[in-house]
Amino acid sequence: MLAAAHIVVRANPQVGPTVFEPTLRTQVVGADAASMRVQVAQAYDELRRQTGVADGQPAGRLNATLLGYRIVSYTDEEVVLRLLTEAPSDSGSSLMVSTEVRVRWTGSDWALLAPAGGTFDRAVTVVLDPYTAMFLPFSTGG
């Protein structure tokens, strides 16, 4: 489900409001969509203050790499999947995490179902190396 991966990346505060605001407004649905918009805007303001970038500009880099996905359940109306991501840990080593993401068919396109509380904090789990084989890799270059 590439739609889920694309929306999740574009809804990050680091990409800046010219990207995350329209993404959150048009491609995120559900009871917690408004909360997610507030959470991302607040995170952007904090990152902007930390990095010293001008308002409206991207605020830093996305340090995570999307590696793969695993479909948990699928219907014509909703898909639940887990995205496998590699990111640096606080200690500087690499950390693999899985984030549960839900997308819902709106009648014309897939939209991200906003996570509970507007953040993915409760949807993320650490993935140990042997379990990364459970994910289908995103292909490179295509």
Protein backbone atom coordinates (compact mmCIF):
# COMPACT_ATOMS: atom_id res chain seq x y z
CA MET A 1 0.00 0.00 0.00
CA LEU A 2 2.06 2.83 -1.32
CA ALA A 3 -0.69 5.34 -0.50
CA ALA A 4 -0.13 4.77 3.22
CA ALA A 5 3.63 5.21 2.93
CA HIS A 6 3.31 8.39 0.86
CA ILE A 7 0.77 9.99 3.19
CA VAL A 8 2.72 9.08 6.35
CA VAL A 9 5.89 10.66 4.96
CA ARG A 10 4.12 13.82 3.77
CA ALA A 11 2.39 14.24 7.15
CA ASN A 12 5.70 14.69 8.98
CA PRO A 13 6.55 18.10 10.45
CA GLN A 14 10.05 18.02 8.92
CA VAL A 15 8.67 18.40 5.39
CA GLY A 16 7.20 21.80 6.22
CA PRO A 17 3.69 23.21 6.14
CA THR A 18 3.50 23.59 2.35
CA VAL A 19 3.56 19.78 2.22
CA PHE A 20 2.03 18.60 5.50
CA GLU A 21 -0.90 21.07 5.69
CA PRO A 22 -2.59 20.05 2.40
CA THR A 23 -1.78 16.40 3.09
CA LEU A 24 -3.40 16.52 6.52
CA ARG A 25 -6.36 18.51 5.21
CA THR A 26 -7.17 16.34 2.19
CA GLN A 27 -5.68 12.91 2.85
CA VAL A 28 -6.23 12.28 6.56
CA VAL A 29 -9.66 11.30 7.87
CA GLY A 30 -11.28 10.08 11.08
CA ALA A 31 -12.16 11.29 14.54
CA ASP A 32 -8.54 12.21 15.37
CA ALA A 33 -7.72 14.04 12.11
CA ALA A 34 -8.04 17.50 13.72
CA SER A 35 -5.85 16.41 16.62
CA MET A 36 -3.24 15.13 14.19
CA ARG A 37 -3.20 18.49 12.37
CA VAL A 38 -2.58 20.26 15.71
CA GLN A 39 0.11 17.76 16.79
CA VAL A 40 2.03 18.06 13.51
CA ALA A 41 1.82 21.88 13.48
CA GLN A 42 3.09 22.05 17.08
CA ALA A 43 5.92 19.63 16.31
CA TYR A 44 6.84 21.75 13.28
CA ASP A 45 6.96 24.94 15.36
CA GLU A 46 9.24 23.22 17.88
CA LEU A 47 11.54 21.85 15.15
CA ARG A 48 11.64 25.23 13.47
CA ARG A 49 12.73 26.87 16.71
CA GLN A 50 15.41 24.20 17.24
CA THR A 51 16.79 24.41 13.71
CA GLY A 52 16.37 28.14 13.16
CA VAL A 53 14.69 27.77 9.77
CA ALA A 54 12.27 30.38 8.50
CA ASP A 55 8.55 29.79 8.95
CA GLY A 56 7.17 27.75 6.06
CA GLN A 57 10.45 26.06 5.22
CA PRO A 58 11.25 22.36 5.80
CA ALA A 59 12.55 21.85 9.33
CA GLY A 60 15.28 19.26 9.22
CA ARG A 61 15.58 15.87 7.60
CA LEU A 62 13.56 12.72 7.92
CA ASN A 63 16.09 10.41 9.53
CA ALA A 64 14.02 7.28 9.04
CA THR A 65 14.02 4.99 6.02
CA LEU A 66 10.91 3.07 5.02
CA LEU A 67 12.04 -0.48 4.30
CA GLY A 68 8.90 -2.53 3.89
CA TYR A 69 5.30 -3.27 4.75
CA ARG A 70 3.06 -6.09 5.90
CA ILE A 71 -0.68 -6.15 5.28
CA VAL A 72 -2.50 -7.14 8.48
CA SER A 73 -6.04 -7.01 7.10
CA TYR A 74 -7.74 -5.87 3.92
CA THR A 75 -11.29 -5.06 2.88
CA ASP A 76 -12.58 -2.92 0.05
CA GLU A 77 -13.11 -0.09 2.56
CA GLU A 78 -10.10 -0.30 4.90
CA VAL A 79 -6.59 -1.69 5.00
CA VAL A 80 -4.54 -2.20 8.14
CA LEU A 81 -0.81 -2.53 7.54
CA ARG A 82 2.46 -2.22 9.33
CA LEU A 83 5.29 -0.11 7.92
CA LEU A 84 8.85 -1.22 8.71
CA THR A 85 11.18 1.71 9.31
CA GLU A 86 14.86 1.96 10.17
CA ALA A 87 15.99 4.99 12.16
CA PRO A 88 18.88 5.94 14.39
CA SER A 89 18.29 5.23 18.08
CA ASP A 90 19.22 7.59 20.90
CA SER A 91 22.49 5.65 21.31
CA GLY A 92 23.39 6.18 17.64
CA SER A 93 22.82 2.59 16.55
CA SER A 94 20.14 1.59 14.08
CA LEU A 95 16.65 0.72 15.31
CA MET A 96 13.94 -1.11 13.38
CA VAL A 97 10.35 -0.24 14.21
CA SER A 98 6.96 -1.20 12.88
CA THR A 99 4.10 1.29 12.79
CA GLU A 100 0.49 0.22 12.42
CA VAL A 101 -1.22 2.37 9.81
CA ARG A 102 -4.83 2.31 8.63
CA VAL A 103 -6.05 3.64 5.33
CA ARG A 104 -9.68 4.03 4.35
CA TRP A 105 -11.25 4.21 0.89
CA THR A 106 -13.03 7.54 0.50
CA GLY A 107 -14.84 6.68 -2.72
CA SER A 108 -12.17 8.20 -4.93
CA ASP A 109 -8.84 7.50 -3.20
CA TRP A 110 -7.23 6.02 -0.10
CA ALA A 111 -6.86 8.33 2.92
CA LEU A 112 -4.95 7.82 6.13
CA LEU A 113 -7.13 7.14 9.15
CA ALA A 114 -5.65 9.42 11.81
CA PRO A 115 -4.14 7.44 14.69
CA ALA A 116 -5.61 7.62 18.18
CA GLY A 117 -4.80 10.96 19.79
CA GLY A 118 -3.37 12.28 16.52
CA THR A 119 0.07 10.66 16.89
CA PHE A 120 1.58 7.30 16.02
CA ASP A 121 3.21 6.99 19.47
CA ARG A 122 1.00 4.07 20.52
CA ALA A 123 1.18 2.39 17.10
CA VAL A 124 4.97 1.86 17.04
CA THR A 125 6.76 -1.31 18.18
CA VAL A 126 10.41 -2.35 17.98
CA VAL A 127 11.11 -5.13 15.49
CA LEU A 128 13.97 -7.53 16.20
CA ASP A 129 16.09 -8.58 13.21
CA PRO A 130 14.64 -12.07 12.62
CA TYR A 131 11.13 -10.61 12.33
CA THR A 132 12.02 -8.13 9.59
CA ALA A 133 11.61 -11.03 7.13
CA MET A 134 7.84 -10.82 7.76
CA PHE A 135 7.74 -7.56 5.77
CA LEU A 136 7.63 -7.19 2.00
CA PRO A 137 10.43 -4.83 0.95
CA PHE A 138 9.79 -1.62 -0.94
CA SER A 139 11.61 -2.02 -4.23
CA THR A 140 14.33 0.47 -5.08
CA GLY A 141 14.18 2.58 -8.18
CA GLY A 142 10.76 1.61 -9.30
